[in-house]
Amino acid sequence: MKKKFIKAGDFDTKFELGEDISEHFDLENASRPGQKQKRVNVDFPVWMIQSLDREAKKMGVTRHSIIKFWISEKLQHIAS
């Protein structure tokens, strides 16, 4: 799909009017800075896995999600 180029002011106007501006984006090459994934392996004691699973079930999420969420919360807390 070929992108159509327009001036920034025209782009802003279309956006403000609620018009479709998706034709102006290169979505196939889009990326989110700082969001690249890297796999890590961590060993946890069985009791910790069981606790994680219980809490994940209460929250309706996966073990993987709750680990990422809690680590993210902690890192945001210490960064502020």
N, C-alpha and C. Protein backbone atom coordinates (compact mmCIF):
# COMPACT_ATOMS: atom_id res chain seq x y z
N MET A 1 0.85 -1.18 0.00
CA MET A 1 0.00 0.00 0.00
C MET A 1 0.89 1.24 0.00
N LYS A 2 0.69 2.11 -0.93
CA LYS A 2 1.49 3.32 -1.03
C LYS A 2 0.90 4.39 -0.12
N LYS A 3 1.80 5.01 0.66
CA LYS A 3 1.36 6.05 1.58
C LYS A 3 1.15 7.36 0.83
N LYS A 4 0.16 8.11 1.27
CA LYS A 4 -0.08 9.43 0.71
C LYS A 4 0.54 10.45 1.65
N PHE A 5 1.34 11.35 1.09
CA PHE A 5 2.00 12.36 1.90
C PHE A 5 1.19 13.66 1.89
N ILE A 6 1.06 14.26 3.07
CA ILE A 6 0.37 15.55 3.18
C ILE A 6 1.15 16.43 4.14
N LYS A 7 0.83 17.69 4.15
CA LYS A 7 1.48 18.64 5.05
C LYS A 7 0.99 18.38 6.47
N ALA A 8 1.84 18.71 7.45
CA ALA A 8 1.51 18.47 8.86
C ALA A 8 0.22 19.17 9.26
N GLY A 9 0.03 20.38 8.81
CA GLY A 9 -1.18 21.13 9.15
C GLY A 9 -2.43 20.45 8.62
N ASP A 10 -2.34 19.94 7.38
CA ASP A 10 -3.48 19.23 6.79
C ASP A 10 -3.76 17.93 7.55
N PHE A 11 -2.68 17.25 7.95
CA PHE A 11 -2.80 16.02 8.74
C PHE A 11 -3.51 16.32 10.06
N ASP A 12 -3.06 17.37 10.75
CA ASP A 12 -3.68 17.76 12.03
C ASP A 12 -5.15 18.08 11.86
N THR A 13 -5.49 18.78 10.79
CA THR A 13 -6.89 19.14 10.54
C THR A 13 -7.73 17.90 10.32
N LYS A 14 -7.24 16.97 9.49
CA LYS A 14 -7.99 15.72 9.26
C LYS A 14 -8.20 14.96 10.57
N PHE A 15 -7.14 14.91 11.39
CA PHE A 15 -7.23 14.21 12.67
C PHE A 15 -8.28 14.87 13.57
N GLU A 16 -8.22 16.19 13.69
CA GLU A 16 -9.16 16.92 14.55
C GLU A 16 -10.60 16.76 14.09
N LEU A 17 -10.80 16.59 12.78
CA LEU A 17 -12.15 16.42 12.24
C LEU A 17 -12.62 14.96 12.33
N GLY A 18 -11.74 14.10 12.84
CA GLY A 18 -12.11 12.69 12.99
C GLY A 18 -12.05 11.89 11.71
N GLU A 19 -11.36 12.42 10.71
CA GLU A 19 -11.25 11.72 9.44
C GLU A 19 -10.23 10.58 9.54
N ASP A 20 -10.32 9.64 8.62
CA ASP A 20 -9.40 8.50 8.60
C ASP A 20 -8.04 8.97 8.11
N ILE A 21 -7.04 8.82 8.96
CA ILE A 21 -5.68 9.24 8.61
C ILE A 21 -4.75 8.04 8.45
N SER A 22 -5.29 6.84 8.51
CA SER A 22 -4.47 5.62 8.49
C SER A 22 -3.69 5.46 7.19
N GLU A 23 -4.17 6.04 6.11
CA GLU A 23 -3.46 5.91 4.83
C GLU A 23 -2.11 6.62 4.85
N HIS A 24 -1.86 7.42 5.85
CA HIS A 24 -0.62 8.18 5.94
C HIS A 24 0.43 7.52 6.84
N PHE A 25 0.13 6.33 7.33
CA PHE A 25 1.05 5.60 8.22
C PHE A 25 1.63 4.39 7.51
N ASP A 26 2.88 4.09 7.80
CA ASP A 26 3.54 2.88 7.31
C ASP A 26 3.47 1.85 8.44
N LEU A 27 2.33 1.19 8.57
CA LEU A 27 2.09 0.29 9.69
C LEU A 27 2.92 -0.99 9.61
N GLU A 28 3.37 -1.36 8.43
CA GLU A 28 4.18 -2.58 8.31
C GLU A 28 5.55 -2.41 8.94
N ASN A 29 6.03 -1.19 9.02
CA ASN A 29 7.35 -0.94 9.59
C ASN A 29 7.28 -0.19 10.91
N ALA A 30 6.09 -0.11 11.49
CA ALA A 30 5.92 0.61 12.75
C ALA A 30 6.52 -0.19 13.90
N SER A 31 7.05 0.52 14.88
CA SER A 31 7.59 -0.13 16.07
C SER A 31 7.36 0.77 17.27
N ARG A 32 7.44 0.19 18.44
CA ARG A 32 7.29 0.94 19.68
C ARG A 32 8.65 0.97 20.37
N PRO A 33 9.28 2.13 20.42
CA PRO A 33 10.61 2.23 21.04
C PRO A 33 10.59 1.72 22.48
N GLY A 34 11.62 0.98 22.81
CA GLY A 34 11.74 0.46 24.17
C GLY A 34 10.85 -0.73 24.47
N GLN A 35 10.16 -1.26 23.46
CA GLN A 35 9.24 -2.37 23.69
C GLN A 35 9.72 -3.69 23.09
N LYS A 36 10.97 -3.71 22.59
CA LYS A 36 11.49 -4.95 22.03
C LYS A 36 11.54 -6.01 23.13
N GLN A 37 11.16 -7.21 22.80
CA GLN A 37 11.08 -8.29 23.77
C GLN A 37 12.37 -9.09 23.80
N LYS A 38 12.73 -9.56 24.97
CA LYS A 38 13.86 -10.46 25.13
C LYS A 38 13.46 -11.52 26.16
N ARG A 39 13.66 -12.75 25.81
CA ARG A 39 13.27 -13.85 26.69
C ARG A 39 14.32 -14.07 27.77
N VAL A 40 13.85 -14.29 28.99
CA VAL A 40 14.72 -14.65 30.11
C VAL A 40 14.13 -15.86 30.82
N ASN A 41 14.97 -16.66 31.40
CA ASN A 41 14.51 -17.81 32.17
C ASN A 41 14.83 -17.56 33.64
N VAL A 42 13.84 -17.77 34.49
CA VAL A 42 14.02 -17.57 35.92
C VAL A 42 13.48 -18.81 36.64
N ASP A 43 14.25 -19.31 37.57
CA ASP A 43 13.80 -20.44 38.37
C ASP A 43 13.20 -19.93 39.67
N PHE A 44 11.99 -20.40 39.99
CA PHE A 44 11.30 -20.04 41.21
C PHE A 44 11.05 -21.29 42.05
N PRO A 45 11.05 -21.16 43.37
CA PRO A 45 10.65 -22.30 44.20
C PRO A 45 9.18 -22.64 43.94
N VAL A 46 8.84 -23.89 44.18
CA VAL A 46 7.48 -24.37 43.92
C VAL A 46 6.45 -23.55 44.69
N TRP A 47 6.73 -23.20 45.95
CA TRP A 47 5.75 -22.44 46.73
C TRP A 47 5.46 -21.08 46.08
N MET A 48 6.49 -20.50 45.45
CA MET A 48 6.31 -19.21 44.81
C MET A 48 5.43 -19.34 43.56
N ILE A 49 5.67 -20.40 42.80
CA ILE A 49 4.85 -20.67 41.61
C ILE A 49 3.39 -20.88 42.01
N GLN A 50 3.17 -21.62 43.08
CA GLN A 50 1.80 -21.86 43.54
C GLN A 50 1.13 -20.56 43.96
N SER A 51 1.87 -19.71 44.67
CA SER A 51 1.32 -18.41 45.07
C SER A 51 1.03 -17.54 43.86
N LEU A 52 1.94 -17.52 42.91
CA LEU A 52 1.73 -16.76 41.67
C LEU A 52 0.48 -17.24 40.94
N ASP A 53 0.33 -18.56 40.86
CA ASP A 53 -0.83 -19.12 40.16
C ASP A 53 -2.13 -18.75 40.86
N ARG A 54 -2.14 -18.78 42.20
CA ARG A 54 -3.35 -18.40 42.94
C ARG A 54 -3.71 -16.93 42.67
N GLU A 55 -2.71 -16.06 42.75
CA GLU A 55 -2.97 -14.63 42.54
C GLU A 55 -3.37 -14.36 41.09
N ALA A 56 -2.73 -15.03 40.16
CA ALA A 56 -3.07 -14.86 38.75
C ALA A 56 -4.52 -15.29 38.49
N LYS A 57 -4.93 -16.39 39.11
CA LYS A 57 -6.30 -16.87 38.95
C LYS A 57 -7.29 -15.86 39.51
N LYS A 58 -6.99 -15.28 40.68
CA LYS A 58 -7.86 -14.26 41.28
C LYS A 58 -8.03 -13.07 40.35
N MET A 59 -6.94 -12.70 39.68
CA MET A 59 -6.96 -11.53 38.79
C MET A 59 -7.45 -11.87 37.39
N GLY A 60 -7.58 -13.16 37.09
CA GLY A 60 -8.04 -13.58 35.77
C GLY A 60 -6.99 -13.39 34.68
N VAL A 61 -5.72 -13.54 35.07
CA VAL A 61 -4.63 -13.40 34.10
C VAL A 61 -3.72 -14.62 34.18
N THR A 62 -2.75 -14.68 33.30
CA THR A 62 -1.81 -15.80 33.31
C THR A 62 -0.68 -15.53 34.30
N ARG A 63 0.04 -16.57 34.65
CA ARG A 63 1.22 -16.44 35.52
C ARG A 63 2.23 -15.49 34.88
N HIS A 64 2.45 -15.66 33.60
CA HIS A 64 3.37 -14.81 32.85
C HIS A 64 2.98 -13.33 33.00
N SER A 65 1.70 -13.04 32.84
CA SER A 65 1.22 -11.66 32.92
C SER A 65 1.40 -11.06 34.30
N ILE A 66 1.11 -11.82 35.34
CA ILE A 66 1.22 -11.27 36.69
C ILE A 66 2.68 -11.01 37.05
N ILE A 67 3.58 -11.87 36.59
CA ILE A 67 5.01 -11.65 36.84
C ILE A 67 5.45 -10.36 36.16
N LYS A 68 5.09 -10.18 34.89
CA LYS A 68 5.47 -8.96 34.18
C LYS A 68 4.85 -7.73 34.82
N PHE A 69 3.59 -7.83 35.23
CA PHE A 69 2.88 -6.71 35.85
C PHE A 69 3.54 -6.30 37.16
N TRP A 70 3.82 -7.26 38.02
CA TRP A 70 4.43 -6.94 39.32
C TRP A 70 5.85 -6.40 39.17
N ILE A 71 6.61 -6.96 38.28
CA ILE A 71 7.97 -6.44 38.06
C ILE A 71 7.90 -5.02 37.51
N SER A 72 6.99 -4.79 36.59
CA SER A 72 6.81 -3.45 36.02
C SER A 72 6.44 -2.44 37.11
N GLU A 73 5.50 -2.82 37.98
CA GLU A 73 5.10 -1.95 39.09
C GLU A 73 6.29 -1.60 39.98
N LYS A 74 7.07 -2.59 40.32
CA LYS A 74 8.23 -2.38 41.19
C LYS A 74 9.26 -1.47 40.53
N LEU A 75 9.53 -1.69 39.25
CA LEU A 75 10.52 -0.88 38.55
C LEU A 75 10.04 0.57 38.41
N GLN A 76 8.76 0.76 38.19
CA GLN A 76 8.22 2.13 38.10
C GLN A 76 8.30 2.82 39.46
N HIS A 77 8.08 2.06 40.52
CA HIS A 77 8.13 2.62 41.87
C HIS A 77 9.54 3.07 42.24
N ILE A 78 10.54 2.24 41.93
CA ILE A 78 11.90 2.60 42.29
C ILE A 78 12.48 3.68 41.37
N ALA A 79 11.90 3.83 40.17
CA ALA A 79 12.38 4.85 39.24
C ALA A 79 11.86 6.23 39.59
N SER A 80 10.79 6.29 40.38
CA SER A 80 10.21 7.59 40.70
C SER A 80 10.69 8.14 42.02
